[in-house]
Amino acid sequence: MPIARRESGVASAVRALVSQVHPVFMTPPVASSLFGGVLTGHFDLAAGLVHATAIFAAVYTAHVKDGYVDFYVRDEDDDHPLSERGCKAALAGSSALFAGCLLALWPLAGGLTVALTLPTWLIAYHHAPQLDTNPVTATTGYPLGIALAILGGFAAQVGTLAPIAVAFAAVFLVLLSGVKVIDDAQDFDYDRSIQKRTVAVTLGPKRARTAAYALMTTALVLVVALAALAVFPPSSVAAAAGFAAIAGIARRADAELATMLLVRGSYVFLALLLAAVWFRPFG
């Protein structure tokens, strides 16, 4: 059986495998790994790139496994570019790449980095069909992966953690959990029909939306508070203000448009935070 579901040949197999790279959702975890490294004030290229590659492999695993479960197990999707064999081959390849990165990280960055990185693959592989059916784990899986990417990226550079890394990880966990609630609300009718318990299904769309913006507001207030306490650079407040402006526009939009705005808003948030720490590196 070929790798691609409809065609055989190397070119078709490569196209099918590449189709599982989703830049909109894969860029933030990889960027978070690099961001964690920048927080240290210096950057060892080898350790940083190996950790970022491990994060990429974990997120790729999540996309392939999710597509496999939705198409071949749950019969939810109408189409999928990979054959069943292709999905399993892609999972084996991405998992092997991740394992290779872990083995390389051990001498490069130490056991703490490995311990912080391993859970990203576990979350990715078990997202579907285990974690995505519970409102808490369905919401926090991706944000927790981002938080772990920041922590692992930091540890990959210095072999330990510091308050600034833990604080940034906590902010992104809370902020992106709010964004994920909005994202899941797009599939409210379908999720309810199959008894998939997202936050929107559990609380109802209106209360879920309120909860989502409460989470995002909490994260932004936390940024301001940590800047006031000198844990974050003072210019981090600009990142909070930038995301708040985008969230204010998204609040008046439907779930689909709001998700698009908030995901891109998180890019702006990360970019402004990166600029803030670039000019005041960790001491």
C-alpha atoms as a PDB file:
ATOM      1  CA  MET A   1       0.000   0.000   0.000  1.00  0.00           C
ATOM      2  CA  PRO A   2       1.439   3.444  -0.935  1.00  0.00           C
ATOM      3  CA  ILE A   3       2.092   6.231   1.556  1.00  0.00           C
ATOM      4  CA  ALA A   4      -0.346   8.562  -0.196  1.00  0.00           C
ATOM      5  CA  ARG A   5      -3.977   7.452  -0.167  1.00  0.00           C
ATOM      6  CA  ARG A   6      -4.746   8.112  -3.826  1.00  0.00           C
ATOM      7  CA  GLU A   7      -1.444   7.828  -5.672  1.00  0.00           C
ATOM      8  CA  SER A   8       1.799   5.891  -5.562  1.00  0.00           C
ATOM      9  CA  GLY A   9       5.338   7.076  -6.156  1.00  0.00           C
ATOM     10  CA  VAL A  10       7.938   9.062  -4.269  1.00  0.00           C
ATOM     11  CA  ALA A  11       6.605  12.493  -5.227  1.00  0.00           C
ATOM     12  CA  SER A  12       3.084  11.638  -4.084  1.00  0.00           C
ATOM     13  CA  ALA A  13       4.391  10.201  -0.825  1.00  0.00           C
ATOM     14  CA  VAL A  14       6.434  13.347  -0.142  1.00  0.00           C
ATOM     15  CA  ARG A  15       3.454  15.603  -0.889  1.00  0.00           C
ATOM     16  CA  ALA A  16       1.248  13.593   1.451  1.00  0.00           C
ATOM     17  CA  LEU A  17       3.822  13.703   4.248  1.00  0.00           C
ATOM     18  CA  VAL A  18       4.430  17.429   3.800  1.00  0.00           C
ATOM     19  CA  SER A  19       0.667  18.040   3.898  1.00  0.00           C
ATOM     20  CA  GLN A  20       0.795  17.294   7.624  1.00  0.00           C
ATOM     21  CA  VAL A  21       3.011  20.318   8.254  1.00  0.00           C
ATOM     22  CA  HIS A  22       0.604  23.070   9.339  1.00  0.00           C
ATOM     23  CA  PRO A  23       2.603  26.302   9.752  1.00  0.00           C
ATOM     24  CA  VAL A  24      -0.150  28.223  11.570  1.00  0.00           C
ATOM     25  CA  PHE A  25      -0.145  25.765  14.468  1.00  0.00           C
ATOM     26  CA  MET A  26       3.412  24.422  14.215  1.00  0.00           C
ATOM     27  CA  THR A  27       5.288  27.720  14.148  1.00  0.00           C
ATOM     28  CA  PRO A  28       4.359  28.859  17.707  1.00  0.00           C
ATOM     29  CA  PRO A  29       5.718  25.739  19.483  1.00  0.00           C
ATOM     30  CA  VAL A  30       9.007  25.869  17.573  1.00  0.00           C
ATOM     31  CA  ALA A  31       9.242  29.625  18.111  1.00  0.00           C
ATOM     32  CA  SER A  32       8.523  29.092  21.812  1.00  0.00           C
ATOM     33  CA  SER A  33      11.464  26.707  22.050  1.00  0.00           C
ATOM     34  CA  LEU A  34      13.745  29.343  20.536  1.00  0.00           C
ATOM     35  CA  PHE A  35      12.147  32.040  22.715  1.00  0.00           C
ATOM     36  CA  GLY A  36      12.956  30.012  25.814  1.00  0.00           C
ATOM     37  CA  GLY A  37      16.566  29.892  24.711  1.00  0.00           C
ATOM     38  CA  VAL A  38      16.708  33.647  24.090  1.00  0.00           C
ATOM     39  CA  LEU A  39      15.445  34.250  27.639  1.00  0.00           C
ATOM     40  CA  THR A  40      18.788  33.019  28.968  1.00  0.00           C
ATOM     41  CA  GLY A  41      20.686  35.882  27.333  1.00  0.00           C
ATOM     42  CA  HIS A  42      22.883  33.637  25.226  1.00  0.00           C
ATOM     43  CA  PHE A  43      22.163  30.954  22.673  1.00  0.00           C
ATOM     44  CA  ASP A  44      24.032  27.715  22.026  1.00  0.00           C
ATOM     45  CA  LEU A  45      23.097  26.917  18.438  1.00  0.00           C
ATOM     46  CA  ALA A  46      23.442  23.125  18.638  1.00  0.00           C
ATOM     47  CA  ALA A  47      21.325  22.673  21.771  1.00  0.00           C
ATOM     48  CA  GLY A  48      18.760  25.217  20.589  1.00  0.00           C
ATOM     49  CA  LEU A  49      18.281  23.659  17.162  1.00  0.00           C
ATOM     50  CA  VAL A  50      18.082  20.106  18.499  1.00  0.00           C
ATOM     51  CA  HIS A  51      15.422  21.122  21.021  1.00  0.00           C
ATOM     52  CA  ALA A  52      13.439  23.051  18.384  1.00  0.00           C
ATOM     53  CA  THR A  53      13.605  20.000  16.102  1.00  0.00           C
ATOM     54  CA  ALA A  54      12.280  17.797  18.903  1.00  0.00           C
ATOM     55  CA  ILE A  55       9.342  20.179  19.375  1.00  0.00           C
ATOM     56  CA  PHE A  56       8.666  20.141  15.626  1.00  0.00           C
ATOM     57  CA  ALA A  57       8.663  16.332  15.654  1.00  0.00           C
ATOM     58  CA  ALA A  58       6.217  16.290  18.575  1.00  0.00           C
ATOM     59  CA  VAL A  59       3.767  18.669  16.890  1.00  0.00           C
ATOM     60  CA  TYR A  60       4.039  16.758  13.596  1.00  0.00           C
ATOM     61  CA  THR A  61       3.196  13.593  15.518  1.00  0.00           C
ATOM     62  CA  ALA A  62       0.114  15.298  16.944  1.00  0.00           C
ATOM     63  CA  HIS A  63      -1.155  16.365  13.508  1.00  0.00           C
ATOM     64  CA  VAL A  64      -0.622  12.938  11.944  1.00  0.00           C
ATOM     65  CA  LYS A  65      -2.208  11.071  14.865  1.00  0.00           C
ATOM     66  CA  ASP A  66      -5.157  13.474  14.979  1.00  0.00           C
ATOM     67  CA  GLY A  67      -5.781  13.061  11.251  1.00  0.00           C
ATOM     68  CA  TYR A  68      -5.437   9.291  11.479  1.00  0.00           C
ATOM     69  CA  VAL A  69      -7.936   9.036  14.336  1.00  0.00           C
ATOM     70  CA  ASP A  70     -10.440  11.435  12.772  1.00  0.00           C
ATOM     71  CA  PHE A  71     -10.410   9.707   9.374  1.00  0.00           C
ATOM     72  CA  TYR A  72      -9.656   6.039  10.006  1.00  0.00           C
ATOM     73  CA  VAL A  73     -10.986   5.539  13.540  1.00  0.00           C
ATOM     74  CA  ARG A  74     -13.795   8.016  14.162  1.00  0.00           C
ATOM     75  CA  ASP A  75     -14.827   8.496  10.518  1.00  0.00           C
ATOM     76  CA  GLU A  76     -15.172  12.237  11.184  1.00  0.00           C
ATOM     77  CA  ASP A  77     -13.200  13.660   8.240  1.00  0.00           C
ATOM     78  CA  ASP A  78     -14.248  13.394   4.602  1.00  0.00           C
ATOM     79  CA  ASP A  79     -10.720  13.009   3.253  1.00  0.00           C
ATOM     80  CA  HIS A  80      -7.097  12.452   4.275  1.00  0.00           C
ATOM     81  CA  PRO A  81      -3.967  12.613   2.079  1.00  0.00           C
ATOM     82  CA  LEU A  82      -2.136   9.758   3.830  1.00  0.00           C
ATOM     83  CA  SER A  83      -3.056   6.104   3.581  1.00  0.00           C
ATOM     84  CA  GLU A  84      -3.417   4.157   6.817  1.00  0.00           C
ATOM     85  CA  ARG A  85       0.038   2.739   6.248  1.00  0.00           C
ATOM     86  CA  GLY A  86       1.289   6.224   5.457  1.00  0.00           C
ATOM     87  CA  CYS A  87      -0.045   7.558   8.766  1.00  0.00           C
ATOM     88  CA  LYS A  88       1.706   4.799  10.682  1.00  0.00           C
ATOM     89  CA  ALA A  89       4.943   5.343   8.753  1.00  0.00           C
ATOM     90  CA  ALA A  90       4.790   9.091   9.415  1.00  0.00           C
ATOM     91  CA  LEU A  91       4.160   8.469  13.112  1.00  0.00           C
ATOM     92  CA  ALA A  92       7.084   6.074  13.275  1.00  0.00           C
ATOM     93  CA  GLY A  93       9.346   8.551  11.499  1.00  0.00           C
ATOM     94  CA  SER A  94       8.415  11.576  13.605  1.00  0.00           C
ATOM     95  CA  SER A  95       8.653   9.533  16.805  1.00  0.00           C
ATOM     96  CA  ALA A  96      12.082   8.237  15.795  1.00  0.00           C
ATOM     97  CA  LEU A  97      13.225  11.794  15.052  1.00  0.00           C
ATOM     98  CA  PHE A  98      11.950  12.912  18.454  1.00  0.00           C
ATOM     99  CA  ALA A  99      13.734  10.040  20.200  1.00  0.00           C
ATOM    100  CA  GLY A 100      16.952  10.864  18.357  1.00  0.00           C
ATOM    101  CA  CYS A 101      16.687  14.477  19.510  1.00  0.00           C
ATOM    102  CA  LEU A 102      16.210  13.357  23.117  1.00  0.00           C
ATOM    103  CA  LEU A 103      19.321  11.206  22.899  1.00  0.00           C
ATOM    104  CA  ALA A 104      21.264  14.168  21.517  1.00  0.00           C
ATOM    105  CA  LEU A 105      19.901  16.551  24.154  1.00  0.00           C
ATOM    106  CA  TRP A 106      21.103  14.429  27.050  1.00  0.00           C
ATOM    107  CA  PRO A 107      24.850  15.167  26.565  1.00  0.00           C
ATOM    108  CA  LEU A 108      24.200  18.612  25.072  1.00  0.00           C
ATOM    109  CA  ALA A 109      21.793  20.001  27.669  1.00  0.00           C
ATOM    110  CA  GLY A 110      21.330  17.527  30.511  1.00  0.00           C
ATOM    111  CA  GLY A 111      18.601  15.455  32.085  1.00  0.00           C
ATOM    112  CA  LEU A 112      16.305  18.349  33.036  1.00  0.00           C
ATOM    113  CA  THR A 113      15.938  19.362  29.393  1.00  0.00           C
ATOM    114  CA  VAL A 114      15.081  15.781  28.439  1.00  0.00           C
ATOM    115  CA  ALA A 115      12.558  15.559  31.299  1.00  0.00           C
ATOM    116  CA  LEU A 116      10.856  18.778  30.148  1.00  0.00           C
ATOM    117  CA  THR A 117      10.851  17.756  26.475  1.00  0.00           C
ATOM    118  CA  LEU A 118       9.579  14.166  26.704  1.00  0.00           C
ATOM    119  CA  PRO A 119       6.048  15.165  27.832  1.00  0.00           C
ATOM    120  CA  THR A 120       5.541  17.158  24.629  1.00  0.00           C
ATOM    121  CA  TRP A 121       5.564  13.946  22.599  1.00  0.00           C
ATOM    122  CA  LEU A 122       3.357  12.156  25.128  1.00  0.00           C
ATOM    123  CA  ILE A 123       0.785  14.957  24.911  1.00  0.00           C
ATOM    124  CA  ALA A 124       1.030  14.988  21.110  1.00  0.00           C
ATOM    125  CA  TYR A 125       0.627  11.245  20.639  1.00  0.00           C
ATOM    126  CA  HIS A 126      -2.212  10.884  23.143  1.00  0.00           C
ATOM    127  CA  HIS A 127      -4.129  14.018  22.176  1.00  0.00           C
ATOM    128  CA  ALA A 128      -6.410  11.879  19.994  1.00  0.00           C
ATOM    129  CA  PRO A 129      -8.335   9.894  20.961  1.00  0.00           C
ATOM    130  CA  GLN A 130      -7.575  10.102  24.691  1.00  0.00           C
ATOM    131  CA  LEU A 131      -6.996  13.732  25.712  1.00  0.00           C
ATOM    132  CA  ASP A 132      -9.287  15.493  23.234  1.00  0.00           C
ATOM    133  CA  THR A 133     -12.487  14.084  24.764  1.00  0.00           C
ATOM    134  CA  ASN A 134     -12.098  15.780  28.165  1.00  0.00           C
ATOM    135  CA  PRO A 135     -12.796  19.537  28.422  1.00  0.00           C
ATOM    136  CA  VAL A 136      -9.687  20.211  30.526  1.00  0.00           C
ATOM    137  CA  THR A 137      -7.139  18.164  28.583  1.00  0.00           C
ATOM    138  CA  ALA A 138      -8.686  19.028  25.205  1.00  0.00           C
ATOM    139  CA  THR A 139      -8.215  22.702  26.042  1.00  0.00           C
ATOM    140  CA  THR A 140      -4.811  22.647  27.720  1.00  0.00           C
ATOM    141  CA  GLY A 141      -2.949  20.101  25.561  1.00  0.00           C
ATOM    142  CA  TYR A 142      -1.588  22.549  22.961  1.00  0.00           C
ATOM    143  CA  PRO A 143      -0.974  25.408  25.456  1.00  0.00           C
ATOM    144  CA  LEU A 144       0.823  23.016  27.813  1.00  0.00           C
ATOM    145  CA  GLY A 145       3.025  21.938  24.906  1.00  0.00           C
ATOM    146  CA  ILE A 146       3.896  25.605  24.303  1.00  0.00           C
ATOM    147  CA  ALA A 147       4.717  26.096  27.987  1.00  0.00           C
ATOM    148  CA  LEU A 148       6.933  23.009  28.030  1.00  0.00           C
ATOM    149  CA  ALA A 149       8.656  24.199  24.839  1.00  0.00           C
ATOM    150  CA  ILE A 150       9.574  27.469  26.576  1.00  0.00           C
ATOM    151  CA  LEU A 151      10.847  25.677  29.664  1.00  0.00           C
ATOM    152  CA  GLY A 152      12.755  23.075  27.650  1.00  0.00           C
ATOM    153  CA  GLY A 153      14.252  25.725  25.383  1.00  0.00           C
ATOM    154  CA  PHE A 154      15.469  27.633  28.429  1.00  0.00           C
ATOM    155  CA  ALA A 155      16.880  24.539  30.127  1.00  0.00           C
ATOM    156  CA  ALA A 156      18.593  23.487  26.891  1.00  0.00           C
ATOM    157  CA  GLN A 157      20.800  26.574  27.184  1.00  0.00           C
ATOM    158  CA  VAL A 158      21.663  26.629  30.887  1.00  0.00           C
ATOM    159  CA  GLY A 159      20.659  23.220  32.261  1.00  0.00           C
ATOM    160  CA  THR A 160      18.294  24.715  34.840  1.00  0.00           C
ATOM    161  CA  LEU A 161      15.203  26.924  35.180  1.00  0.00           C
ATOM    162  CA  ALA A 162      14.680  30.466  36.437  1.00  0.00           C
ATOM    163  CA  PRO A 163      11.585  32.429  37.555  1.00  0.00           C
ATOM    164  CA  ILE A 164      11.380  34.366  34.301  1.00  0.00           C
ATOM    165  CA  ALA A 165      11.076  31.140  32.257  1.00  0.00           C
ATOM    166  CA  VAL A 166       8.450  29.652  34.579  1.00  0.00           C
ATOM    167  CA  ALA A 167       6.502  32.922  34.527  1.00  0.00           C
ATOM    168  CA  PHE A 168       6.480  33.152  30.726  1.00  0.00           C
ATOM    169  CA  ALA A 169       5.418  29.511  30.480  1.00  0.00           C
ATOM    170  CA  ALA A 170       2.533  30.140  32.888  1.00  0.00           C
ATOM    171  CA  VAL A 171       1.386  33.213  30.948  1.00  0.00           C
ATOM    172  CA  PHE A 172       1.294  31.328  27.652  1.00  0.00           C
ATOM    173  CA  LEU A 173      -0.463  28.349  29.237  1.00  0.00           C
ATOM    174  CA  VAL A 174      -3.292  30.565  30.485  1.00  0.00           C
ATOM    175  CA  LEU A 175      -3.498  32.826  27.425  1.00  0.00           C
ATOM    176  CA  LEU A 176      -3.506  30.036  24.852  1.00  0.00           C
ATOM    177  CA  SER A 177      -5.997  27.983  26.874  1.00  0.00           C
ATOM    178  CA  GLY A 178      -8.399  30.881  26.368  1.00  0.00           C
ATOM    179  CA  VAL A 179      -7.667  30.937  22.629  1.00  0.00           C
ATOM    180  CA  LYS A 180      -8.192  27.155  22.439  1.00  0.00           C
ATOM    181  CA  VAL A 181     -11.651  27.451  24.014  1.00  0.00           C
ATOM    182  CA  ILE A 182     -12.638  29.873  21.230  1.00  0.00           C
ATOM    183  CA  ASP A 183     -11.104  27.575  18.616  1.00  0.00           C
ATOM    184  CA  ASP A 184     -13.046  24.544  19.867  1.00  0.00           C
ATOM    185  CA  ALA A 185     -16.298  26.527  19.817  1.00  0.00           C
ATOM    186  CA  GLN A 186     -16.170  26.479  16.004  1.00  0.00           C
ATOM    187  CA  ASP A 187     -17.133  22.787  16.121  1.00  0.00           C
ATOM    188  CA  PHE A 188     -19.787  23.122  18.825  1.00  0.00           C
ATOM    189  CA  ASP A 189     -22.689  21.570  16.883  1.00  0.00           C
ATOM    190  CA  TYR A 190     -20.664  18.634  15.603  1.00  0.00           C
ATOM    191  CA  ASP A 191     -18.880  18.025  18.896  1.00  0.00           C
ATOM    192  CA  ARG A 192     -22.192  18.017  20.734  1.00  0.00           C
ATOM    193  CA  SER A 193     -23.659  15.559  18.220  1.00  0.00           C
ATOM    194  CA  ILE A 194     -20.874  13.028  18.927  1.00  0.00           C
ATOM    195  CA  GLN A 195     -20.810  13.817  22.665  1.00  0.00           C
ATOM    196  CA  LYS A 196     -17.300  15.239  22.522  1.00  0.00           C
ATOM    197  CA  ARG A 197     -16.950  17.232  25.733  1.00  0.00           C
ATOM    198  CA  THR A 198     -15.113  20.418  24.859  1.00  0.00           C
ATOM    199  CA  VAL A 199     -15.527  23.470  27.083  1.00  0.00           C
ATOM    200  CA  ALA A 200     -18.113  24.879  24.658  1.00  0.00           C
ATOM    201  CA  VAL A 201     -20.166  21.670  24.826  1.00  0.00           C
ATOM    202  CA  THR A 202     -19.811  21.419  28.596  1.00  0.00           C
ATOM    203  CA  LEU A 203     -20.591  25.069  29.465  1.00  0.00           C
ATOM    204  CA  GLY A 204     -22.496  26.210  26.390  1.00  0.00           C
ATOM    205  CA  PRO A 205     -21.122  28.630  23.754  1.00  0.00           C
ATOM    206  CA  LYS A 206     -21.903  31.846  25.626  1.00  0.00           C
ATOM    207  CA  ARG A 207     -20.405  30.831  28.968  1.00  0.00           C
ATOM    208  CA  ALA A 208     -17.447  29.199  27.216  1.00  0.00           C
ATOM    209  CA  ARG A 209     -16.721  32.469  25.425  1.00  0.00           C
ATOM    210  CA  THR A 210     -16.874  34.347  28.730  1.00  0.00           C
ATOM    211  CA  ALA A 211     -14.504  31.825  30.297  1.00  0.00           C
ATOM    212  CA  ALA A 212     -12.116  32.106  27.346  1.00  0.00           C
ATOM    213  CA  TYR A 213     -11.820  35.876  27.589  1.00  0.00           C
ATOM    214  CA  ALA A 214     -11.476  35.628  31.362  1.00  0.00           C
ATOM    215  CA  LEU A 215      -8.474  33.354  30.868  1.00  0.00           C
ATOM    216  CA  MET A 216      -6.897  35.686  28.318  1.00  0.00           C
ATOM    217  CA  THR A 217      -7.514  38.712  30.533  1.00  0.00           C
ATOM    218  CA  THR A 218      -5.921  36.890  33.474  1.00  0.00           C
ATOM    219  CA  ALA A 219      -2.822  36.200  31.388  1.00  0.00           C
ATOM    220  CA  LEU A 220      -2.502  39.839  30.314  1.00  0.00           C
ATOM    221  CA  VAL A 221      -2.965  41.109  33.872  1.00  0.00           C
ATOM    222  CA  LEU A 222      -0.289  38.647  34.944  1.00  0.00           C
ATOM    223  CA  VAL A 223       2.131  40.102  32.371  1.00  0.00           C
ATOM    224  CA  VAL A 224       1.547  43.626  33.709  1.00  0.00           C
ATOM    225  CA  ALA A 225       1.940  42.465  37.315  1.00  0.00           C
ATOM    226  CA  LEU A 226       5.166  40.595  36.578  1.00  0.00           C
ATOM    227  CA  ALA A 227       6.530  43.617  34.725  1.00  0.00           C
ATOM    228  CA  ALA A 228       5.720  45.762  37.766  1.00  0.00           C
ATOM    229  CA  LEU A 229       7.578  43.265  39.952  1.00  0.00           C
ATOM    230  CA  ALA A 230      10.580  43.387  37.565  1.00  0.00           C
ATOM    231  CA  VAL A 231      10.284  39.689  36.722  1.00  0.00           C
ATOM    232  CA  PHE A 232       9.472  40.678  33.112  1.00  0.00           C
ATOM    233  CA  PRO A 233      11.078  43.592  31.249  1.00  0.00           C
ATOM    234  CA  PRO A 234       8.931  46.773  31.528  1.00  0.00           C
ATOM    235  CA  SER A 235       8.385  46.777  27.758  1.00  0.00           C
ATOM    236  CA  SER A 236       6.478  43.484  28.114  1.00  0.00           C
ATOM    237  CA  VAL A 237       3.438  45.645  28.847  1.00  0.00           C
ATOM    238  CA  ALA A 238       3.434  46.576  25.142  1.00  0.00           C
ATOM    239  CA  ALA A 239       2.903  42.901  24.286  1.00  0.00           C
ATOM    240  CA  ALA A 240      -0.091  42.743  26.634  1.00  0.00           C
ATOM    241  CA  ALA A 241      -1.524  45.915  25.111  1.00  0.00           C
ATOM    242  CA  GLY A 242      -1.047  44.614  21.572  1.00  0.00           C
ATOM    243  CA  PHE A 243      -2.814  41.333  22.263  1.00  0.00           C
ATOM    244  CA  ALA A 244      -5.571  43.126  24.205  1.00  0.00           C
ATOM    245  CA  ALA A 245      -6.318  45.303  21.176  1.00  0.00           C
ATOM    246  CA  ILE A 246      -6.615  42.264  18.908  1.00  0.00           C
ATOM    247  CA  ALA A 247      -8.711  40.375  21.481  1.00  0.00           C
ATOM    248  CA  GLY A 248     -11.056  43.372  21.703  1.00  0.00           C
ATOM    249  CA  ILE A 249     -11.729  43.123  17.962  1.00  0.00           C
ATOM    250  CA  ALA A 250     -12.036  39.316  18.110  1.00  0.00           C
ATOM    251  CA  ARG A 251     -14.615  39.531  20.902  1.00  0.00           C
ATOM    252  CA  ARG A 252     -17.129  40.973  18.441  1.00  0.00           C
ATOM    253  CA  ALA A 253     -16.454  38.305  15.790  1.00  0.00           C
ATOM    254  CA  ASP A 254     -17.811  34.795  15.340  1.00  0.00           C
ATOM    255  CA  ALA A 255     -15.805  31.797  16.537  1.00  0.00           C
ATOM    256  CA  GLU A 256     -14.056  31.199  13.191  1.00  0.00           C
ATOM    257  CA  LEU A 257     -12.920  34.788  12.657  1.00  0.00           C
ATOM    258  CA  ALA A 258     -12.121  35.209  16.352  1.00  0.00           C
ATOM    259  CA  THR A 259      -9.859  32.155  16.245  1.00  0.00           C
ATOM    260  CA  MET A 260      -8.015  33.471  13.198  1.00  0.00           C
ATOM    261  CA  LEU A 261      -7.494  36.856  14.861  1.00  0.00           C
ATOM    262  CA  LEU A 262      -6.455  35.425  18.221  1.00  0.00           C
ATOM    263  CA  VAL A 263      -3.996  32.912  16.761  1.00  0.00           C
ATOM    264  CA  ARG A 264      -2.331  35.667  14.802  1.00  0.00           C
ATOM    265  CA  GLY A 265      -2.566  37.897  17.842  1.00  0.00           C
ATOM    266  CA  SER A 266      -0.561  35.331  19.753  1.00  0.00           C
ATOM    267  CA  TYR A 267       2.158  35.696  17.092  1.00  0.00           C
ATOM    268  CA  VAL A 268       2.208  39.447  17.751  1.00  0.00           C
ATOM    269  CA  PHE A 269       2.275  38.783  21.502  1.00  0.00           C
ATOM    270  CA  LEU A 270       5.237  36.422  21.191  1.00  0.00           C
ATOM    271  CA  ALA A 271       7.098  38.769  18.830  1.00  0.00           C
ATOM    272  CA  LEU A 272       6.686  41.749  21.183  1.00  0.00           C
ATOM    273  CA  LEU A 273       7.784  39.677  24.174  1.00  0.00           C
ATOM    274  CA  LEU A 274      10.812  38.498  22.207  1.00  0.00           C
ATOM    275  CA  ALA A 275      11.697  42.114  21.443  1.00  0.00           C
ATOM    276  CA  ALA A 276      11.269  43.005  25.118  1.00  0.00           C
ATOM    277  CA  VAL A 277      13.622  40.310  26.403  1.00  0.00           C
ATOM    278  CA  TRP A 278      16.102  40.802  23.569  1.00  0.00           C
ATOM    279  CA  PHE A 279      16.979  44.211  24.970  1.00  0.00           C
ATOM    280  CA  ARG A 280      17.050  43.026  28.588  1.00  0.00           C
ATOM    281  CA  PRO A 281      18.447  39.489  28.620  1.00  0.00           C
ATOM    282  CA  PHE A 282      18.372  37.228  31.631  1.00  0.00           C
ATOM    283  CA  GLY A 283      21.310  38.126  33.840  1.00  0.00           C
END
